[in-house]
Structures are given as structure tokens and as C-alpha cells.
N, C-alpha and C. Protein backbone atom coordinates (compact mmCIF):
# COMPACT_ATOMS: atom_id res chain seq x y z
N UNK A 1 -74.94 20.60 -59.75
CA UNK A 1 -76.33 20.59 -59.25
C UNK A 1 -76.03 19.06 -58.67
N UNK A 2 -77.04 18.90 -57.57
CA UNK A 2 -77.00 17.55 -57.13
C UNK A 2 -78.54 17.08 -57.77
N UNK A 3 -78.29 16.23 -58.59
CA UNK A 3 -79.37 15.35 -59.19
C UNK A 3 -80.08 14.31 -58.27
N UNK A 4 -79.80 13.84 -57.40
CA UNK A 4 -80.50 12.46 -56.40
C UNK A 4 -81.56 12.98 -56.27
N UNK A 5 -82.42 11.60 -55.94
CA UNK A 5 -83.87 12.16 -55.72
C UNK A 5 -83.63 12.55 -54.15
N UNK A 6 -84.27 13.11 -53.87
CA UNK A 6 -85.07 13.24 -52.33
C UNK A 6 -84.78 12.14 -51.49
N UNK A 7 -85.48 10.90 -51.50
CA UNK A 7 -84.99 9.70 -51.03
C UNK A 7 -83.99 8.89 -51.00
N UNK A 8 -83.17 9.53 -51.95
CA UNK A 8 -81.28 9.05 -51.73
C UNK A 8 -80.51 9.81 -51.00
N UNK A 9 -80.97 11.19 -50.92
CA UNK A 9 -80.40 11.91 -49.78
C UNK A 9 -80.29 11.60 -48.11
N UNK A 10 -79.25 11.62 -47.84
CA UNK A 10 -78.97 11.60 -46.49
C UNK A 10 -79.75 12.14 -45.30
N UNK A 11 -80.18 12.06 -44.17
CA UNK A 11 -80.84 12.98 -43.57
C UNK A 11 -80.22 14.07 -42.94
N UNK A 12 -80.87 15.53 -43.02
CA UNK A 12 -80.00 16.33 -42.79
C UNK A 12 -79.18 17.11 -44.06
N UNK A 13 -79.49 16.39 -45.05
CA UNK A 13 -78.55 16.73 -46.68
C UNK A 13 -79.13 17.88 -47.55
N UNK A 14 -78.74 18.67 -47.83
CA UNK A 14 -79.49 19.78 -49.43
C UNK A 14 -79.68 21.06 -48.12
N UNK A 15 -79.41 21.61 -49.04
CA UNK A 15 -79.71 23.23 -48.61
C UNK A 15 -80.86 23.51 -48.05
N UNK A 16 -81.01 23.96 -46.81
CA UNK A 16 -82.34 24.46 -46.43
C UNK A 16 -83.31 23.62 -45.41
N UNK A 17 -82.49 22.18 -45.46
CA UNK A 17 -83.02 20.77 -45.22
C UNK A 17 -83.07 21.44 -43.79
N UNK A 18 -84.09 21.05 -42.67
CA UNK A 18 -83.84 21.23 -41.01
C UNK A 18 -83.34 19.80 -41.08
N UNK A 19 -82.83 19.99 -39.73
CA UNK A 19 -82.49 18.59 -39.28
C UNK A 19 -83.21 17.97 -38.39
N UNK A 20 -82.89 16.69 -38.87
CA UNK A 20 -84.11 15.69 -38.34
C UNK A 20 -83.86 15.35 -36.94
N UNK A 21 -84.79 14.36 -36.79
CA UNK A 21 -84.67 14.28 -34.99
C UNK A 21 -83.39 14.07 -34.91
N UNK A 22 -83.08 13.16 -35.63
CA UNK A 22 -81.51 12.28 -34.80
C UNK A 22 -80.67 13.55 -34.81
N UNK A 23 -80.07 13.93 -36.10
CA UNK A 23 -79.44 14.97 -35.94
C UNK A 23 -79.57 15.68 -34.47
N UNK A 24 -80.78 16.30 -34.58
CA UNK A 24 -81.23 16.92 -33.45
C UNK A 24 -80.52 16.61 -31.83
N UNK A 25 -80.66 15.54 -31.85
CA UNK A 25 -80.61 14.81 -30.93
C UNK A 25 -79.19 14.67 -30.43
N UNK A 26 -78.27 14.22 -31.56
CA UNK A 26 -76.49 13.80 -31.75
C UNK A 26 -75.82 14.97 -31.74
N UNK A 27 -76.27 16.25 -32.06
CA UNK A 27 -75.06 17.65 -31.97
C UNK A 27 -75.61 18.76 -31.05
N UNK A 28 -74.70 19.28 -30.77
CA UNK A 28 -74.84 20.47 -30.11
C UNK A 28 -75.28 21.45 -30.41
N UNK A 29 -76.61 22.16 -30.23
CA UNK A 29 -76.90 23.40 -31.50
C UNK A 29 -76.02 23.99 -31.00
N UNK A 30 -75.59 24.89 -30.33
CA UNK A 30 -74.74 26.09 -30.58
C UNK A 30 -73.49 25.88 -30.98
N UNK A 31 -72.88 24.69 -30.96
CA UNK A 31 -71.61 24.46 -31.69
C UNK A 31 -71.63 23.71 -33.39
N UNK A 32 -72.52 22.43 -33.06
CA UNK A 32 -72.59 21.79 -34.07
C UNK A 32 -71.80 20.73 -33.92
N UNK A 33 -70.84 20.66 -32.90
CA UNK A 33 -70.30 19.67 -32.72
C UNK A 33 -71.49 18.22 -31.69
N UNK A 34 -70.78 16.90 -31.65
CA UNK A 34 -71.43 16.07 -31.55
C UNK A 34 -71.87 16.24 -30.08
N UNK A 35 -72.84 15.19 -29.48
CA UNK A 35 -73.18 15.84 -27.62
C UNK A 35 -72.34 14.79 -27.09
N UNK A 36 -72.08 15.00 -25.69
CA UNK A 36 -71.54 13.86 -25.22
C UNK A 36 -71.63 12.61 -25.34
N UNK A 37 -73.11 12.60 -25.26
CA UNK A 37 -73.51 10.80 -24.79
C UNK A 37 -73.30 10.11 -26.49
N UNK A 38 -73.33 10.97 -27.28
CA UNK A 38 -73.03 10.03 -28.61
C UNK A 38 -71.13 10.48 -28.72
N UNK A 39 -70.61 11.06 -27.84
CA UNK A 39 -69.04 10.37 -28.00
C UNK A 39 -68.95 9.30 -27.31
N UNK A 40 -69.28 9.45 -25.77
CA UNK A 40 -69.01 8.32 -25.31
C UNK A 40 -69.64 6.83 -25.87
N UNK A 41 -70.98 6.86 -26.13
CA UNK A 41 -70.97 5.55 -27.17
C UNK A 41 -69.92 5.32 -28.28
N UNK A 42 -69.89 6.24 -29.25
CA UNK A 42 -68.72 6.40 -29.99
C UNK A 42 -67.28 5.63 -29.69
N UNK A 43 -67.02 6.17 -28.38
CA UNK A 43 -65.68 5.50 -27.52
C UNK A 43 -66.02 3.88 -27.54
N UNK A 44 -66.99 3.65 -27.02
CA UNK A 44 -66.83 2.78 -26.87
C UNK A 44 -66.82 1.47 -28.01
N UNK A 45 -67.89 1.73 -28.70
CA UNK A 45 -67.58 1.39 -30.13
C UNK A 45 -66.53 1.01 -30.87
N UNK A 46 -65.64 2.32 -30.81
CA UNK A 46 -64.42 2.37 -31.34
C UNK A 46 -63.31 1.87 -30.66
N UNK A 47 -63.41 1.91 -29.51
CA UNK A 47 -62.30 1.16 -28.66
C UNK A 47 -62.90 -0.49 -28.59
N UNK A 48 -64.00 -0.99 -28.47
CA UNK A 48 -64.14 -2.26 -29.28
C UNK A 48 -63.43 -2.92 -30.49
N UNK A 49 -63.61 -2.06 -31.41
CA UNK A 49 -63.28 -2.38 -32.72
C UNK A 49 -61.48 -2.30 -32.60
N UNK A 50 -61.45 -1.18 -32.11
CA UNK A 50 -59.52 -1.17 -31.80
C UNK A 50 -58.90 -2.74 -31.21
N UNK A 51 -59.65 -2.79 -30.22
CA UNK A 51 -59.37 -3.98 -29.35
C UNK A 51 -59.48 -5.40 -30.32
N UNK A 52 -60.66 -5.47 -30.59
CA UNK A 52 -60.59 -6.81 -31.97
C UNK A 52 -59.91 -6.68 -32.97
N UNK A 53 -59.38 -5.80 -33.56
CA UNK A 53 -58.59 -5.67 -34.70
C UNK A 53 -56.77 -4.96 -34.45
N UNK A 54 -56.45 -4.83 -33.48
CA UNK A 54 -55.57 -4.71 -32.99
C UNK A 54 -54.93 -2.90 -33.35
N UNK A 55 -55.87 -2.13 -33.57
CA UNK A 55 -55.25 -1.23 -34.34
C UNK A 55 -55.47 -0.06 -33.37
N UNK A 56 -54.67 1.14 -33.44
CA UNK A 56 -54.48 2.23 -32.61
C UNK A 56 -55.79 3.13 -32.41
N UNK A 57 -56.29 3.97 -30.99
CA UNK A 57 -57.04 4.32 -31.18
C UNK A 57 -56.66 5.67 -30.04
N UNK A 58 -56.88 6.98 -30.60
CA UNK A 58 -56.12 8.26 -29.60
C UNK A 58 -57.78 9.33 -29.21
N UNK A 59 -57.57 9.60 -27.86
CA UNK A 59 -58.70 10.19 -27.73
C UNK A 59 -57.74 11.93 -27.55
N UNK A 60 -58.32 12.78 -27.77
CA UNK A 60 -57.77 14.07 -27.28
C UNK A 60 -58.44 15.07 -26.81
N UNK A 61 -58.79 15.44 -25.30
CA UNK A 61 -59.38 16.65 -24.99
C UNK A 61 -58.77 18.10 -25.09
N UNK A 62 -59.78 18.61 -25.45
CA UNK A 62 -59.30 20.35 -25.68
C UNK A 62 -60.35 21.29 -24.79
N UNK A 63 -59.48 21.88 -24.17
CA UNK A 63 -60.11 22.94 -23.22
C UNK A 63 -59.59 24.26 -23.52
N UNK A 64 -60.62 24.94 -23.82
CA UNK A 64 -60.44 26.78 -24.28
C UNK A 64 -60.10 27.28 -22.97
N UNK A 65 -58.83 27.93 -22.75
CA UNK A 65 -58.39 28.58 -21.97
C UNK A 65 -59.01 29.74 -21.23
N UNK A 66 -59.18 30.00 -19.85
CA UNK A 66 -59.59 31.36 -19.37
C UNK A 66 -61.15 31.28 -19.48
N UNK A 67 -62.24 30.29 -19.53
CA UNK A 67 -63.23 30.80 -19.66
C UNK A 67 -64.17 30.96 -18.76
N UNK A 68 -63.60 30.92 -17.51
CA UNK A 68 -64.17 31.78 -16.26
C UNK A 68 -63.84 33.07 -16.44
N UNK A 69 -62.85 33.80 -16.69
CA UNK A 69 -62.48 35.07 -17.18
C UNK A 69 -63.11 35.34 -18.29
N UNK A 70 -63.48 34.60 -19.17
CA UNK A 70 -64.07 35.45 -20.65
C UNK A 70 -65.99 35.47 -19.93
N UNK A 71 -66.34 34.58 -19.51
CA UNK A 71 -67.55 34.79 -18.96
C UNK A 71 -67.80 35.81 -17.87
N UNK A 72 -66.85 36.08 -16.84
CA UNK A 72 -67.28 37.04 -15.80
C UNK A 72 -66.86 38.68 -16.67
N UNK A 73 -65.95 38.39 -17.54
CA UNK A 73 -65.71 39.74 -18.32
C UNK A 73 -66.59 40.07 -19.72
N UNK A 74 -67.07 38.99 -20.08
CA UNK A 74 -68.33 39.32 -21.80
C UNK A 74 -69.45 39.13 -21.48
N UNK A 75 -69.40 38.07 -20.54
CA UNK A 75 -70.98 37.19 -20.71
C UNK A 75 -70.91 35.97 -21.06
N UNK A 76 -72.22 35.24 -21.09
CA UNK A 76 -72.36 34.20 -21.54
C UNK A 76 -72.40 33.75 -22.96
N UNK A 77 -72.97 35.10 -23.82
CA UNK A 77 -73.15 35.37 -25.09
C UNK A 77 -72.01 35.23 -25.60
N UNK A 78 -70.68 35.89 -24.97
CA UNK A 78 -69.46 36.00 -25.62
C UNK A 78 -68.86 34.33 -25.25
N UNK A 79 -68.94 33.57 -24.18
CA UNK A 79 -68.78 32.30 -24.23
C UNK A 79 -69.27 31.84 -25.22
N UNK A 80 -70.50 31.50 -25.71
CA UNK A 80 -71.19 30.79 -26.77
C UNK A 80 -70.53 31.08 -27.99
N UNK A 81 -70.13 32.40 -28.66
CA UNK A 81 -69.67 32.70 -29.44
C UNK A 81 -68.38 32.16 -29.43
N UNK A 82 -67.47 32.20 -28.68
CA UNK A 82 -66.26 31.69 -28.80
C UNK A 82 -66.24 30.31 -28.98
N UNK A 83 -66.97 29.69 -28.44
CA UNK A 83 -67.44 28.05 -28.53
C UNK A 83 -67.58 27.44 -29.74
N UNK A 84 -68.43 28.67 -30.58
CA UNK A 84 -68.77 28.18 -31.63
C UNK A 84 -67.63 28.60 -32.72
N UNK A 85 -67.24 29.42 -32.56
CA UNK A 85 -66.11 29.65 -33.74
C UNK A 85 -64.94 28.70 -33.50
N UNK A 86 -64.14 28.47 -31.99
CA UNK A 86 -63.42 27.27 -31.83
C UNK A 86 -63.84 25.92 -32.43
N UNK A 87 -65.49 25.36 -32.06
CA UNK A 87 -65.56 24.37 -32.43
C UNK A 87 -65.53 23.88 -34.33
N UNK A 88 -66.25 25.33 -35.02
CA UNK A 88 -66.11 25.40 -36.37
C UNK A 88 -64.66 25.33 -36.60
N UNK A 89 -63.56 25.82 -36.30
CA UNK A 89 -62.11 25.77 -37.18
C UNK A 89 -61.59 24.74 -36.94
N UNK A 90 -61.90 23.89 -35.72
CA UNK A 90 -61.54 22.57 -35.35
C UNK A 90 -62.08 21.60 -36.53
N UNK A 91 -63.67 21.64 -36.48
CA UNK A 91 -64.21 20.91 -37.55
C UNK A 91 -63.75 20.62 -38.83
N UNK A 92 -63.67 22.16 -39.02
CA UNK A 92 -62.97 22.44 -40.91
C UNK A 92 -61.41 21.45 -40.73
N UNK A 93 -60.71 21.30 -39.23
CA UNK A 93 -59.30 20.64 -39.55
C UNK A 93 -59.10 19.58 -39.74
N UNK A 94 -60.31 18.59 -39.16
CA UNK A 94 -60.55 17.11 -38.98
C UNK A 94 -60.86 16.54 -40.14
N UNK A 95 -60.47 15.29 -39.95
CA UNK A 95 -60.86 14.43 -41.15
C UNK A 95 -62.27 13.84 -40.82
N UNK A 96 -63.16 13.42 -41.87
CA UNK A 96 -64.31 13.12 -41.84
C UNK A 96 -64.82 12.21 -40.71
N UNK A 97 -63.80 11.02 -40.76
CA UNK A 97 -64.08 10.07 -39.71
C UNK A 97 -63.80 10.41 -38.63
N UNK A 98 -62.93 11.47 -37.83
CA UNK A 98 -63.00 12.30 -36.80
C UNK A 98 -64.11 12.24 -35.72
N UNK A 99 -64.43 12.00 -34.69
CA UNK A 99 -65.57 12.27 -33.92
C UNK A 99 -64.88 13.47 -32.94
N UNK A 100 -65.65 14.72 -33.62
CA UNK A 100 -65.46 15.48 -32.07
C UNK A 100 -66.72 15.93 -31.51
N UNK A 101 -66.78 16.19 -29.90
CA UNK A 101 -68.01 16.49 -29.35
C UNK A 101 -67.46 17.49 -28.33
N UNK A 102 -68.61 17.98 -27.78
CA UNK A 102 -68.70 19.04 -26.52
C UNK A 102 -68.34 17.87 -25.79
N UNK A 103 -67.86 18.31 -24.28
CA UNK A 103 -67.09 17.42 -23.27
C UNK A 103 -68.09 17.89 -22.36
N UNK A 104 -67.39 18.60 -21.83
CA UNK A 104 -68.03 20.04 -20.74
C UNK A 104 -67.97 21.23 -21.35
N UNK A 105 -68.47 22.09 -20.37
CA UNK A 105 -68.67 23.66 -20.87
C UNK A 105 -66.93 23.92 -20.92
N UNK A 106 -67.02 24.40 -22.55
CA UNK A 106 -65.59 25.22 -22.78
C UNK A 106 -64.88 24.02 -23.03
N UNK A 107 -64.79 22.32 -23.44
CA UNK A 107 -64.28 21.27 -23.18
C UNK A 107 -64.81 20.41 -24.25
N UNK A 108 -63.58 20.29 -25.33
CA UNK A 108 -64.18 19.29 -26.65
C UNK A 108 -63.48 18.21 -26.43
N UNK A 109 -63.70 16.50 -26.91
CA UNK A 109 -63.63 16.00 -26.86
C UNK A 109 -63.70 15.11 -28.63
N UNK A 110 -62.12 14.74 -28.84
CA UNK A 110 -62.18 13.98 -30.40
C UNK A 110 -61.67 12.62 -30.04
N UNK A 111 -61.97 11.59 -31.18
CA UNK A 111 -61.89 10.50 -31.23
C UNK A 111 -60.91 10.44 -32.70
N UNK A 112 -60.03 9.80 -32.45
CA UNK A 112 -59.22 9.79 -33.78
C UNK A 112 -58.63 8.14 -33.87
N UNK A 113 -59.44 7.80 -34.86
CA UNK A 113 -59.25 6.22 -35.20
C UNK A 113 -57.90 5.89 -35.93
N UNK A 114 -57.36 5.08 -35.73
CA UNK A 114 -55.91 4.64 -36.16
C UNK A 114 -54.75 5.57 -36.23
N UNK A 115 -54.59 6.14 -35.21
CA UNK A 115 -53.80 7.50 -35.07
C UNK A 115 -52.96 6.76 -33.78
N UNK A 116 -51.84 7.06 -34.05
CA UNK A 116 -50.80 6.49 -32.88
C UNK A 116 -50.24 8.01 -32.10
N UNK A 117 -49.89 8.15 -30.99
CA UNK A 117 -49.34 9.11 -30.36
C UNK A 117 -48.74 10.31 -31.05
N UNK A 118 -47.59 10.10 -31.86
CA UNK A 118 -47.15 11.35 -31.88
C UNK A 118 -48.06 11.93 -33.46
N UNK A 119 -49.01 10.87 -33.96
CA UNK A 119 -49.75 11.67 -35.28
C UNK A 119 -51.09 12.47 -34.35
N UNK A 120 -51.43 11.75 -33.31
CA UNK A 120 -52.17 12.54 -32.41
C UNK A 120 -51.93 13.90 -32.03
N UNK A 121 -50.63 13.69 -31.58
CA UNK A 121 -50.18 15.11 -30.93
C UNK A 121 -49.86 16.16 -32.11
N UNK A 122 -49.28 15.38 -33.15
CA UNK A 122 -49.26 16.86 -34.46
C UNK A 122 -50.76 17.09 -34.50
N UNK A 123 -52.03 16.62 -34.94
CA UNK A 123 -53.05 17.23 -35.11
C UNK A 123 -53.34 18.01 -33.62
N UNK A 124 -53.28 17.78 -32.75
CA UNK A 124 -53.85 18.53 -31.07
C UNK A 124 -52.48 19.45 -31.37
N UNK A 125 -51.64 19.46 -32.17
CA UNK A 125 -50.99 21.04 -32.23
C UNK A 125 -51.24 21.82 -33.15
N UNK A 126 -51.80 21.11 -34.32
CA UNK A 126 -52.31 21.70 -35.59
C UNK A 126 -53.49 22.63 -34.97
N UNK A 127 -54.75 21.91 -34.48
CA UNK A 127 -55.51 22.68 -33.68
C UNK A 127 -55.48 23.66 -32.93
N UNK A 128 -54.46 23.29 -31.78
CA UNK A 128 -54.23 24.49 -30.88
C UNK A 128 -53.53 25.65 -31.80
N UNK A 129 -52.79 25.60 -32.69
CA UNK A 129 -52.27 26.99 -33.61
C UNK A 129 -53.63 27.42 -34.27
N UNK A 130 -54.51 26.67 -34.85
CA UNK A 130 -55.24 26.93 -35.63
C UNK A 130 -56.40 27.99 -34.74
N UNK A 131 -56.67 27.51 -33.50
CA UNK A 131 -57.39 28.23 -32.41
C UNK A 131 -56.78 29.46 -32.18
N UNK A 132 -55.21 29.51 -31.94
CA UNK A 132 -54.76 30.49 -31.22
C UNK A 132 -54.56 31.40 -32.20
N UNK A 133 -54.16 31.10 -33.87
CA UNK A 133 -54.07 32.02 -34.84
C UNK A 133 -55.33 33.17 -34.74
N UNK A 134 -56.58 32.68 -34.11
CA UNK A 134 -57.96 33.23 -34.46
C UNK A 134 -57.83 34.37 -33.78
N UNK A 135 -58.93 35.07 -34.47
CA UNK A 135 -59.42 36.20 -33.75
C UNK A 135 -61.37 36.34 -33.65
N UNK A 136 -61.68 36.07 -32.80
CA UNK A 136 -62.92 35.94 -32.94
C UNK A 136 -63.24 37.48 -32.11
N UNK A 137 -64.20 38.17 -32.95
CA UNK A 137 -64.61 39.79 -32.51
C UNK A 137 -66.06 39.50 -31.40
N UNK A 138 -66.27 40.69 -30.22
CA UNK A 138 -67.43 40.15 -29.97
C UNK A 138 -67.49 41.46 -28.91
N UNK A 139 -68.54 42.13 -29.39
CA UNK A 139 -69.22 43.60 -29.05
C UNK A 139 -68.00 44.95 -29.32
N UNK A 140 -67.46 44.32 -30.80
CA UNK A 140 -66.57 45.25 -31.33
C UNK A 140 -65.21 44.98 -30.96
N UNK A 141 -64.88 43.88 -30.01
CA UNK A 141 -63.39 43.43 -29.22
C UNK A 141 -63.01 42.70 -29.70
N UNK A 142 -61.67 42.41 -29.85
CA UNK A 142 -60.95 40.97 -30.38
C UNK A 142 -60.94 39.83 -29.08
N UNK A 143 -61.48 38.95 -29.57
CA UNK A 143 -61.31 38.01 -28.15
C UNK A 143 -60.24 37.33 -29.10
N UNK A 144 -58.92 36.87 -28.57
CA UNK A 144 -57.67 35.65 -28.92
C UNK A 144 -58.12 34.60 -28.19
N UNK A 145 -59.02 33.48 -28.37
CA UNK A 145 -58.94 32.04 -27.80
C UNK A 145 -57.66 31.11 -27.74
N UNK A 146 -56.91 30.81 -26.49
CA UNK A 146 -56.39 29.82 -26.77
C UNK A 146 -56.92 27.99 -26.03
N UNK A 147 -55.92 27.35 -26.12
CA UNK A 147 -56.36 25.83 -25.54
C UNK A 147 -55.31 25.04 -25.18
N UNK A 148 -55.90 24.40 -24.00
CA UNK A 148 -54.63 23.24 -23.40
C UNK A 148 -55.30 21.72 -23.94
N UNK A 149 -54.32 21.17 -24.22
CA UNK A 149 -54.78 20.33 -24.77
C UNK A 149 -54.19 18.73 -24.43
N UNK A 150 -54.92 17.49 -24.22
CA UNK A 150 -54.36 16.25 -23.29
C UNK A 150 -54.98 15.36 -24.68
N UNK A 151 -53.49 14.69 -24.76
CA UNK A 151 -53.78 13.20 -25.48
C UNK A 151 -53.34 12.07 -25.17
N UNK A 152 -54.45 10.73 -25.30
CA UNK A 152 -53.67 9.64 -25.11
C UNK A 152 -54.19 8.82 -26.62
N UNK A 153 -53.28 7.78 -25.89
CA UNK A 153 -53.55 6.38 -27.36
C UNK A 153 -53.60 5.48 -26.81
N UNK A 154 -54.20 4.71 -27.39
CA UNK A 154 -54.42 3.00 -26.74
C UNK A 154 -52.95 2.11 -26.74
N UNK A 155 -52.65 1.10 -26.28
CA UNK A 155 -51.56 0.25 -26.17
C UNK A 155 -52.38 -0.91 -26.23
N UNK A 156 -52.78 -1.39 -27.40
CA UNK A 156 -53.77 -2.59 -26.98
C UNK A 156 -53.25 -3.60 -26.50
N UNK A 157 -52.18 -3.98 -26.20
CA UNK A 157 -51.10 -4.96 -25.70
C UNK A 157 -51.46 -5.00 -24.18
N UNK A 158 -51.73 -3.60 -23.72
CA UNK A 158 -52.12 -3.67 -21.95
C UNK A 158 -53.40 -3.95 -21.79
N UNK A 159 -53.80 -4.06 -22.72
CA UNK A 159 -55.49 -4.34 -22.49
C UNK A 159 -56.38 -3.32 -22.01
N UNK A 160 -56.93 -3.06 -21.07
CA UNK A 160 -58.00 -1.37 -20.44
C UNK A 160 -59.16 -1.44 -21.13
N UNK A 161 -59.76 -0.61 -20.40
CA UNK A 161 -60.83 0.00 -21.10
C UNK A 161 -61.53 1.38 -21.37
N UNK A 162 -61.94 1.58 -22.23
CA UNK A 162 -62.67 2.98 -22.80
C UNK A 162 -62.02 3.97 -21.51
N UNK A 163 -62.65 4.11 -20.87
CA UNK A 163 -62.60 5.13 -19.35
C UNK A 163 -61.14 5.13 -18.95
N UNK A 164 -60.44 3.88 -19.14
CA UNK A 164 -58.65 4.41 -18.86
C UNK A 164 -58.01 5.24 -19.69
N UNK A 165 -58.76 4.99 -21.35
CA UNK A 165 -58.09 6.07 -22.14
C UNK A 165 -58.12 7.42 -21.53
N UNK A 166 -59.73 7.68 -21.50
CA UNK A 166 -60.19 9.00 -21.33
C UNK A 166 -60.02 9.28 -19.88
N UNK A 167 -59.12 8.42 -19.23
CA UNK A 167 -58.56 8.84 -17.83
C UNK A 167 -56.99 9.52 -18.15
N UNK A 168 -56.36 8.79 -18.99
CA UNK A 168 -55.27 9.23 -19.53
C UNK A 168 -55.08 10.73 -20.43
N UNK A 169 -56.19 11.03 -21.28
CA UNK A 169 -56.81 12.27 -21.85
C UNK A 169 -56.94 13.24 -20.53
N UNK A 170 -57.52 13.15 -19.65
CA UNK A 170 -57.90 13.98 -18.53
C UNK A 170 -56.83 14.25 -17.56
N UNK A 171 -56.13 13.67 -17.57
CA UNK A 171 -54.74 13.77 -17.00
C UNK A 171 -53.99 14.58 -17.48
N UNK A 172 -53.31 14.06 -18.82
CA UNK A 172 -52.64 14.96 -20.07
C UNK A 172 -53.20 16.73 -19.69
N UNK A 173 -54.76 16.56 -20.12
CA UNK A 173 -55.01 17.52 -20.32
C UNK A 173 -55.19 18.43 -18.91
N UNK A 174 -55.09 18.22 -17.84
CA UNK A 174 -54.90 19.06 -16.38
C UNK A 174 -53.25 19.25 -16.18
N UNK A 175 -52.36 18.93 -16.61
CA UNK A 175 -50.81 18.59 -16.82
C UNK A 175 -50.86 20.54 -17.87
N UNK A 176 -51.34 19.90 -19.12
CA UNK A 176 -51.33 21.11 -20.07
C UNK A 176 -52.46 22.34 -19.24
N UNK A 177 -53.29 22.23 -18.53
CA UNK A 177 -53.74 23.76 -18.50
C UNK A 177 -53.05 23.78 -17.30
N UNK A 178 -52.53 23.06 -16.22
CA UNK A 178 -51.75 23.60 -14.89
C UNK A 178 -50.23 24.20 -15.48
N UNK A 179 -50.08 23.61 -16.82
CA UNK A 179 -48.58 24.09 -17.40
C UNK A 179 -48.84 25.53 -18.31
N UNK A 180 -49.73 26.18 -17.29
CA UNK A 180 -49.74 27.56 -17.87
C UNK A 180 -50.85 27.43 -19.50
N UNK A 181 -51.28 26.61 -19.73
CA UNK A 181 -52.29 26.36 -20.94
C UNK A 181 -51.74 26.95 -21.92
N UNK A 182 -52.34 26.73 -23.44
CA UNK A 182 -51.89 27.13 -24.86
C UNK A 182 -51.25 26.01 -24.78
N UNK A 183 -51.03 24.54 -24.72
CA UNK A 183 -50.19 23.89 -24.75
C UNK A 183 -50.83 22.34 -24.90
N UNK A 184 -50.34 21.70 -25.78
CA UNK A 184 -50.52 20.29 -25.85
C UNK A 184 -49.56 19.32 -25.40
N UNK A 185 -49.90 18.20 -24.04
CA UNK A 185 -49.44 17.29 -23.52
C UNK A 185 -49.84 15.92 -24.14
N UNK A 186 -48.58 15.58 -24.38
CA UNK A 186 -49.07 13.95 -25.21
C UNK A 186 -49.05 12.72 -24.52
N UNK A 187 -49.66 11.86 -24.57
CA UNK A 187 -49.60 10.52 -24.02
C UNK A 187 -48.17 9.77 -23.97
N UNK A 188 -47.85 9.08 -22.55
CA UNK A 188 -46.72 8.92 -22.49
C UNK A 188 -46.99 7.38 -22.92
């Protein structure tokens, strides 16, 4: 039993507690992950920290494959159900300090602090397998989502900006998607 006083609890903590204004502003209500502006601010902050302390920082972009087919075949409610399920599975497979956000419709973005390319690729592959092994039911029919994943990691000795890291992740995501989807393309 939680014996902390109500004033000692964090915002949004506790059973039946409605989200406070901050929580509602930084979380996507459909998926429960952070919204893109929160991700962008977090990336700027984490990149500055990483540059200052010489630590690694990885960004992972994850796109649900065949979103257009899902949308035209099953409609927007199916898309929402699949995105919610995918987001929930990924949230459950990440560390507490990892940031996961909705990037675009059907695309999620992750910030992995102090993680090299190899480890980020392992995390990405684990997420890809977790999503691929799942089955979402919609209108009584099984829907098996897959994802394409692009990974990029900072190389602090090369300088750069957060947008450079993000551009590398976007390019690798594009390679994964164009390669047939359901795959991870790590940073080079």
C-alpha cells in the first residue's frame, strides 16, 4: 500500500488520478508516448549533455509498415488501435530513462542515452521482434504489424548538431523501408 502523502506524489501518480495539465500537454492521448515537441526539446537537451560530457547518444526512428494499406483497408480506428498497441509494447521494452515519442503518423522516435550503435541496434531489433510477434485484433480479424527501423548514434569528436543525428536516423529509416520493411538499418 502506498503510504506517501498526496503532496509527496508525483503529478499523474496514483490510481484513478487524472492527468495534470503538464502530462496532458506532453503525451499523445492515443498512444501514451510523448509528443514530437517534447521529443525535439529532449533531443536538444540530451545532445547538449552528450556533447559536454563526451557520452554517446542514439536516436532510433520506428515506422509502422504499410500504414496506408491498413488505413484504406480497415480505416482510421484500426490505425489508432495498431499504433496504441505498438506504442504500448515498445514502452514496456524500454528503460525508464529512454524517451519514446510520436514523430509522425505511424512513426515513433526514441532517444537512448549513453548507448552506442551496436547496443542501439540490439534495442531496435528487440523492438522490431516484439512488434512482429504481436497480434492485434480489429473487428475480429488479426492484424500483424511490422516496423522499419533506422538507428543513428553521435560521434562527439565529429561535432555536429541534433538535427544531423536525426537526419542520419531518417536516412537509415528510409533505407529500411525501401529495403522491404520489417528490418533495422543501423548507423554507420
